[in-house]
């Protein structure tokens, strides 16, 4: 898989349109399309901008996933966090309640399994 394909994969994973993704990286839709088609190479400034939005730039450039992102999260944790951030407040509240209940339940299981 080439850089352009991996770039498109990361953009899709984060839920951005080509227009929005290009804008956050400082390029237009046509430039974004060209990068994804393999026509041209993204600049360091472009890569730095998309890294700030959760893109695994190591993966885009080399094809190897980073074990941990710059903010200390695994790529899976980063993906969950990005989904959470894109939700409306009411859904975020539901996710917090659910995760608290699951964590509490897991804690009881661990305690009970030691007995």
N, C-alpha and C. Protein backbone atom coordinates (compact mmCIF):
# COMPACT_ATOMS: atom_id res chain seq x y z
N UNK A 1 0.85 -1.18 0.00
CA UNK A 1 0.00 0.00 0.00
C UNK A 1 0.90 1.25 0.00
N UNK A 2 0.54 2.23 -0.79
CA UNK A 2 1.33 3.45 -0.94
C UNK A 2 0.91 4.51 0.07
N UNK A 3 1.72 5.57 0.16
CA UNK A 3 1.46 6.66 1.10
C UNK A 3 0.06 7.24 0.90
N UNK A 4 -0.32 7.48 -0.34
CA UNK A 4 -1.63 8.06 -0.62
C UNK A 4 -2.77 7.20 -0.10
N UNK A 5 -2.65 5.90 -0.28
CA UNK A 5 -3.68 4.98 0.20
C UNK A 5 -3.75 4.98 1.73
N UNK A 6 -2.59 5.01 2.37
CA UNK A 6 -2.57 5.04 3.84
C UNK A 6 -3.11 6.37 4.37
N UNK A 7 -2.81 7.44 3.66
CA UNK A 7 -3.33 8.75 4.04
C UNK A 7 -4.86 8.75 3.97
N UNK A 8 -5.39 8.21 2.91
CA UNK A 8 -6.85 8.11 2.75
C UNK A 8 -7.44 7.24 3.86
N UNK A 9 -6.78 6.14 4.18
CA UNK A 9 -7.24 5.24 5.24
C UNK A 9 -7.31 5.97 6.58
N UNK A 10 -6.28 6.74 6.90
CA UNK A 10 -6.26 7.49 8.16
C UNK A 10 -7.34 8.58 8.16
N UNK A 11 -7.51 9.26 7.04
CA UNK A 11 -8.56 10.29 6.95
C UNK A 11 -9.93 9.67 7.20
N UNK A 12 -10.18 8.54 6.58
CA UNK A 12 -11.46 7.84 6.74
C UNK A 12 -11.64 7.35 8.17
N UNK A 13 -10.57 6.83 8.76
CA UNK A 13 -10.63 6.32 10.14
C UNK A 13 -11.06 7.43 11.10
N UNK A 14 -10.60 8.65 10.83
CA UNK A 14 -10.93 9.77 11.70
C UNK A 14 -12.23 10.46 11.32
N UNK A 15 -12.83 10.04 10.22
CA UNK A 15 -14.14 10.54 9.84
C UNK A 15 -14.17 11.90 9.16
N UNK A 16 -13.08 12.27 8.48
CA UNK A 16 -13.01 13.55 7.80
C UNK A 16 -13.31 13.40 6.31
N UNK A 17 -13.96 14.42 5.74
CA UNK A 17 -14.09 14.49 4.28
C UNK A 17 -12.75 14.96 3.73
N UNK A 18 -12.56 14.82 2.43
CA UNK A 18 -11.31 15.31 1.83
C UNK A 18 -11.19 16.83 1.99
N UNK A 19 -12.30 17.53 1.86
CA UNK A 19 -12.30 18.99 2.00
C UNK A 19 -11.89 19.40 3.42
N UNK A 20 -12.53 18.79 4.42
CA UNK A 20 -12.25 19.15 5.81
C UNK A 20 -10.83 18.75 6.22
N UNK A 21 -10.40 17.58 5.77
CA UNK A 21 -9.07 17.10 6.13
C UNK A 21 -8.00 18.00 5.52
N UNK A 22 -8.19 18.35 4.25
CA UNK A 22 -7.24 19.25 3.60
C UNK A 22 -7.19 20.59 4.30
N UNK A 23 -8.35 21.11 4.70
CA UNK A 23 -8.41 22.41 5.36
C UNK A 23 -7.66 22.40 6.69
N UNK A 24 -7.81 21.33 7.47
CA UNK A 24 -7.12 21.30 8.76
C UNK A 24 -5.61 21.17 8.57
N UNK A 25 -5.20 20.69 7.41
CA UNK A 25 -3.77 20.57 7.12
C UNK A 25 -3.23 21.73 6.29
N UNK A 26 -4.12 22.67 5.94
CA UNK A 26 -3.68 23.85 5.21
C UNK A 26 -3.59 23.70 3.71
N UNK A 27 -4.31 22.71 3.14
CA UNK A 27 -4.33 22.54 1.69
C UNK A 27 -5.78 22.45 1.22
N UNK A 28 -5.98 22.63 -0.06
CA UNK A 28 -7.32 22.55 -0.64
C UNK A 28 -7.72 21.11 -0.95
N UNK A 29 -8.98 20.95 -1.31
CA UNK A 29 -9.51 19.62 -1.63
C UNK A 29 -8.75 18.96 -2.78
N UNK A 30 -8.43 19.73 -3.81
CA UNK A 30 -7.72 19.17 -4.97
C UNK A 30 -6.36 18.62 -4.56
N UNK A 31 -5.65 19.36 -3.73
CA UNK A 31 -4.34 18.90 -3.25
C UNK A 31 -4.51 17.63 -2.42
N UNK A 32 -5.53 17.61 -1.56
CA UNK A 32 -5.80 16.41 -0.76
C UNK A 32 -6.07 15.21 -1.66
N UNK A 33 -6.89 15.40 -2.65
CA UNK A 33 -7.20 14.32 -3.60
C UNK A 33 -5.93 13.84 -4.27
N UNK A 34 -5.09 14.77 -4.69
CA UNK A 34 -3.83 14.40 -5.36
C UNK A 34 -2.92 13.60 -4.43
N UNK A 35 -2.81 14.02 -3.17
CA UNK A 35 -2.00 13.26 -2.22
C UNK A 35 -2.51 11.83 -2.10
N UNK A 36 -3.82 11.70 -1.99
CA UNK A 36 -4.41 10.37 -1.82
C UNK A 36 -4.25 9.51 -3.07
N UNK A 37 -4.16 10.14 -4.24
CA UNK A 37 -3.94 9.40 -5.49
C UNK A 37 -2.46 9.10 -5.73
N UNK A 38 -1.60 9.66 -4.86
CA UNK A 38 -0.16 9.45 -5.04
C UNK A 38 0.47 10.47 -5.96
N UNK A 39 -0.26 11.52 -6.30
CA UNK A 39 0.26 12.60 -7.14
C UNK A 39 0.78 13.71 -6.24
N UNK A 40 2.05 13.69 -5.97
CA UNK A 40 2.65 14.68 -5.08
C UNK A 40 2.85 14.11 -3.69
N UNK A 41 3.74 14.75 -2.96
CA UNK A 41 4.05 14.29 -1.60
C UNK A 41 3.72 15.38 -0.61
N UNK A 42 3.09 15.00 0.51
CA UNK A 42 2.77 15.99 1.54
C UNK A 42 4.04 16.57 2.16
N UNK A 43 3.96 17.85 2.53
CA UNK A 43 5.10 18.52 3.16
C UNK A 43 5.17 18.15 4.64
N UNK A 44 6.29 18.50 5.26
CA UNK A 44 6.44 18.28 6.70
C UNK A 44 5.39 19.07 7.48
N UNK A 45 5.08 20.28 7.04
CA UNK A 45 4.06 21.09 7.72
C UNK A 45 2.70 20.40 7.65
N UNK A 46 2.37 19.86 6.51
CA UNK A 46 1.12 19.12 6.34
C UNK A 46 1.07 17.93 7.29
N UNK A 47 2.15 17.15 7.32
CA UNK A 47 2.20 15.96 8.18
C UNK A 47 2.12 16.34 9.65
N UNK A 48 2.77 17.43 10.03
CA UNK A 48 2.70 17.89 11.42
C UNK A 48 1.27 18.30 11.79
N UNK A 49 0.58 18.96 10.88
CA UNK A 49 -0.80 19.40 11.14
C UNK A 49 -1.74 18.22 11.30
N UNK A 50 -1.60 17.20 10.47
CA UNK A 50 -2.52 16.06 10.58
C UNK A 50 -2.16 15.19 11.79
N UNK A 51 -0.90 15.19 12.17
CA UNK A 51 -0.50 14.45 13.38
C UNK A 51 -1.21 15.02 14.60
N UNK A 52 -1.38 16.34 14.64
CA UNK A 52 -2.08 16.98 15.76
C UNK A 52 -3.54 16.56 15.85
N UNK A 53 -4.10 16.05 14.76
CA UNK A 53 -5.50 15.63 14.74
C UNK A 53 -5.66 14.13 14.94
N UNK A 54 -4.56 13.45 15.27
CA UNK A 54 -4.65 12.03 15.58
C UNK A 54 -4.21 11.07 14.49
N UNK A 55 -3.68 11.60 13.40
CA UNK A 55 -3.20 10.74 12.32
C UNK A 55 -1.90 10.07 12.75
N UNK A 56 -1.79 8.79 12.49
CA UNK A 56 -0.56 8.05 12.75
C UNK A 56 0.38 8.31 11.57
N UNK A 57 1.17 9.37 11.66
CA UNK A 57 2.02 9.80 10.55
C UNK A 57 3.09 8.75 10.24
N UNK A 58 3.59 8.06 11.25
CA UNK A 58 4.55 6.99 11.00
C UNK A 58 3.94 5.95 10.06
N UNK A 59 2.68 5.61 10.30
CA UNK A 59 1.99 4.65 9.45
C UNK A 59 1.82 5.20 8.04
N UNK A 60 1.42 6.45 7.93
CA UNK A 60 1.22 7.05 6.61
C UNK A 60 2.52 7.00 5.80
N UNK A 61 3.63 7.34 6.43
CA UNK A 61 4.90 7.44 5.71
C UNK A 61 5.56 6.08 5.48
N UNK A 62 5.52 5.21 6.51
CA UNK A 62 6.28 3.95 6.41
C UNK A 62 5.43 2.69 6.26
N UNK A 63 4.15 2.78 6.63
CA UNK A 63 3.31 1.58 6.60
C UNK A 63 3.36 0.80 7.90
N UNK A 64 4.11 1.30 8.88
CA UNK A 64 4.22 0.65 10.19
C UNK A 64 3.48 1.49 11.21
N UNK A 65 2.57 0.87 11.92
CA UNK A 65 1.79 1.59 12.94
C UNK A 65 2.67 1.93 14.13
N UNK A 66 2.48 3.13 14.66
CA UNK A 66 3.16 3.53 15.89
C UNK A 66 2.50 2.79 17.04
N UNK A 67 3.30 2.26 17.94
CA UNK A 67 2.74 1.56 19.10
C UNK A 67 2.00 2.53 20.00
N UNK A 68 2.50 3.74 20.10
CA UNK A 68 1.90 4.76 20.96
C UNK A 68 1.93 6.08 20.20
N UNK A 69 0.85 6.84 20.29
CA UNK A 69 0.80 8.14 19.63
C UNK A 69 1.57 9.16 20.45
N UNK A 70 1.72 10.36 19.92
CA UNK A 70 2.48 11.41 20.60
C UNK A 70 1.88 11.77 21.95
N UNK A 71 0.58 11.57 22.11
CA UNK A 71 -0.06 11.91 23.39
C UNK A 71 -0.09 10.72 24.35
N UNK A 72 0.65 9.66 24.03
CA UNK A 72 0.76 8.53 24.94
C UNK A 72 -0.33 7.48 24.78
N UNK A 73 -1.18 7.62 23.79
CA UNK A 73 -2.25 6.66 23.56
C UNK A 73 -1.87 5.68 22.46
N UNK A 74 -2.37 4.46 22.57
CA UNK A 74 -2.20 3.53 21.47
C UNK A 74 -3.09 4.00 20.33
N UNK A 75 -2.88 3.49 19.13
CA UNK A 75 -3.72 3.91 18.00
C UNK A 75 -5.17 3.53 18.24
N UNK A 76 -5.42 2.41 18.92
CA UNK A 76 -6.80 2.01 19.24
C UNK A 76 -7.43 2.98 20.22
N UNK A 77 -6.67 3.37 21.25
CA UNK A 77 -7.18 4.33 22.23
C UNK A 77 -7.45 5.68 21.57
N UNK A 78 -6.57 6.08 20.70
CA UNK A 78 -6.73 7.34 19.99
C UNK A 78 -7.99 7.31 19.12
N UNK A 79 -8.22 6.18 18.48
CA UNK A 79 -9.41 6.04 17.65
C UNK A 79 -10.69 6.17 18.48
N UNK A 80 -10.73 5.50 19.65
CA UNK A 80 -11.89 5.60 20.53
C UNK A 80 -12.09 7.04 20.98
N UNK A 81 -11.01 7.70 21.35
CA UNK A 81 -11.09 9.09 21.80
C UNK A 81 -11.59 10.00 20.69
N UNK A 82 -11.13 9.79 19.47
CA UNK A 82 -11.58 10.61 18.34
C UNK A 82 -13.07 10.41 18.09
N UNK A 83 -13.54 9.17 18.20
CA UNK A 83 -14.98 8.91 18.05
C UNK A 83 -15.76 9.63 19.14
N UNK A 84 -15.28 9.52 20.38
CA UNK A 84 -15.92 10.16 21.52
C UNK A 84 -16.03 11.67 21.30
N UNK A 85 -14.95 12.26 20.84
CA UNK A 85 -14.93 13.71 20.64
C UNK A 85 -15.89 14.18 19.55
N UNK A 86 -16.23 13.29 18.62
CA UNK A 86 -17.14 13.68 17.54
C UNK A 86 -18.61 13.49 17.91
N UNK A 87 -18.89 12.94 19.10
CA UNK A 87 -20.27 12.68 19.53
C UNK A 87 -20.91 13.92 20.14
N UNK A 88 -22.25 13.98 20.07
CA UNK A 88 -22.95 15.04 20.81
C UNK A 88 -22.81 14.82 22.32
N UNK A 89 -23.01 15.87 23.10
CA UNK A 89 -22.85 15.79 24.56
C UNK A 89 -23.69 14.70 25.19
N UNK A 90 -24.92 14.50 24.71
CA UNK A 90 -25.78 13.48 25.31
C UNK A 90 -25.20 12.08 25.12
N UNK A 91 -24.61 11.82 23.97
CA UNK A 91 -23.98 10.52 23.72
C UNK A 91 -22.70 10.36 24.55
N UNK A 92 -21.97 11.45 24.71
CA UNK A 92 -20.77 11.39 25.55
C UNK A 92 -21.14 11.01 26.98
N UNK A 93 -22.22 11.60 27.48
CA UNK A 93 -22.67 11.28 28.84
C UNK A 93 -23.03 9.81 28.95
N UNK A 94 -23.69 9.26 27.95
CA UNK A 94 -24.05 7.84 27.95
C UNK A 94 -22.79 6.97 27.95
N UNK A 95 -21.80 7.35 27.17
CA UNK A 95 -20.55 6.59 27.11
C UNK A 95 -19.85 6.64 28.47
N UNK A 96 -19.83 7.79 29.12
CA UNK A 96 -19.20 7.88 30.44
C UNK A 96 -19.90 6.98 31.45
N UNK A 97 -21.24 6.98 31.44
CA UNK A 97 -21.99 6.11 32.36
C UNK A 97 -21.70 4.65 32.08
N UNK A 98 -21.69 4.28 30.80
CA UNK A 98 -21.44 2.90 30.43
C UNK A 98 -20.02 2.47 30.81
N UNK A 99 -19.03 3.31 30.54
CA UNK A 99 -17.65 2.92 30.86
C UNK A 99 -17.44 2.83 32.37
N UNK A 100 -18.10 3.70 33.12
CA UNK A 100 -18.01 3.62 34.59
C UNK A 100 -18.61 2.32 35.09
N UNK A 101 -19.76 1.96 34.55
CA UNK A 101 -20.42 0.72 34.97
C UNK A 101 -19.58 -0.50 34.60
N UNK A 102 -19.00 -0.50 33.42
CA UNK A 102 -18.16 -1.62 33.00
C UNK A 102 -16.90 -1.73 33.86
N UNK A 103 -16.28 -0.58 34.16
CA UNK A 103 -15.08 -0.59 34.99
C UNK A 103 -15.40 -1.07 36.39
N UNK A 104 -16.53 -0.61 36.93
CA UNK A 104 -16.94 -1.05 38.26
C UNK A 104 -17.22 -2.55 38.27
N UNK A 105 -17.89 -3.03 37.24
CA UNK A 105 -18.19 -4.46 37.13
C UNK A 105 -16.91 -5.27 37.00
N UNK A 106 -15.97 -4.77 36.22
CA UNK A 106 -14.69 -5.47 36.06
C UNK A 106 -13.93 -5.51 37.38
N UNK A 107 -14.01 -4.43 38.14
CA UNK A 107 -13.35 -4.39 39.45
C UNK A 107 -13.94 -5.41 40.39
N UNK A 108 -15.26 -5.56 40.37
CA UNK A 108 -15.90 -6.57 41.22
C UNK A 108 -15.50 -7.97 40.80
N UNK A 109 -15.39 -8.18 39.49
CA UNK A 109 -15.02 -9.50 38.99
C UNK A 109 -13.61 -9.88 39.44
N UNK A 110 -12.70 -8.93 39.34
CA UNK A 110 -11.32 -9.19 39.73
C UNK A 110 -11.25 -9.51 41.23
N UNK A 111 -11.96 -8.72 42.03
CA UNK A 111 -11.98 -8.96 43.47
C UNK A 111 -12.59 -10.31 43.78
N UNK A 112 -13.71 -10.62 43.13
CA UNK A 112 -14.41 -11.89 43.39
C UNK A 112 -13.61 -13.08 42.86
N UNK A 113 -12.87 -12.92 41.80
CA UNK A 113 -12.13 -14.04 41.23
C UNK A 113 -10.94 -14.43 42.09
N UNK A 114 -10.49 -13.52 42.96
CA UNK A 114 -9.38 -13.81 43.85
C UNK A 114 -9.82 -14.59 45.08
N UNK A 115 -11.12 -14.68 45.30
CA UNK A 115 -11.61 -15.34 46.51
C UNK A 115 -11.76 -16.83 46.31
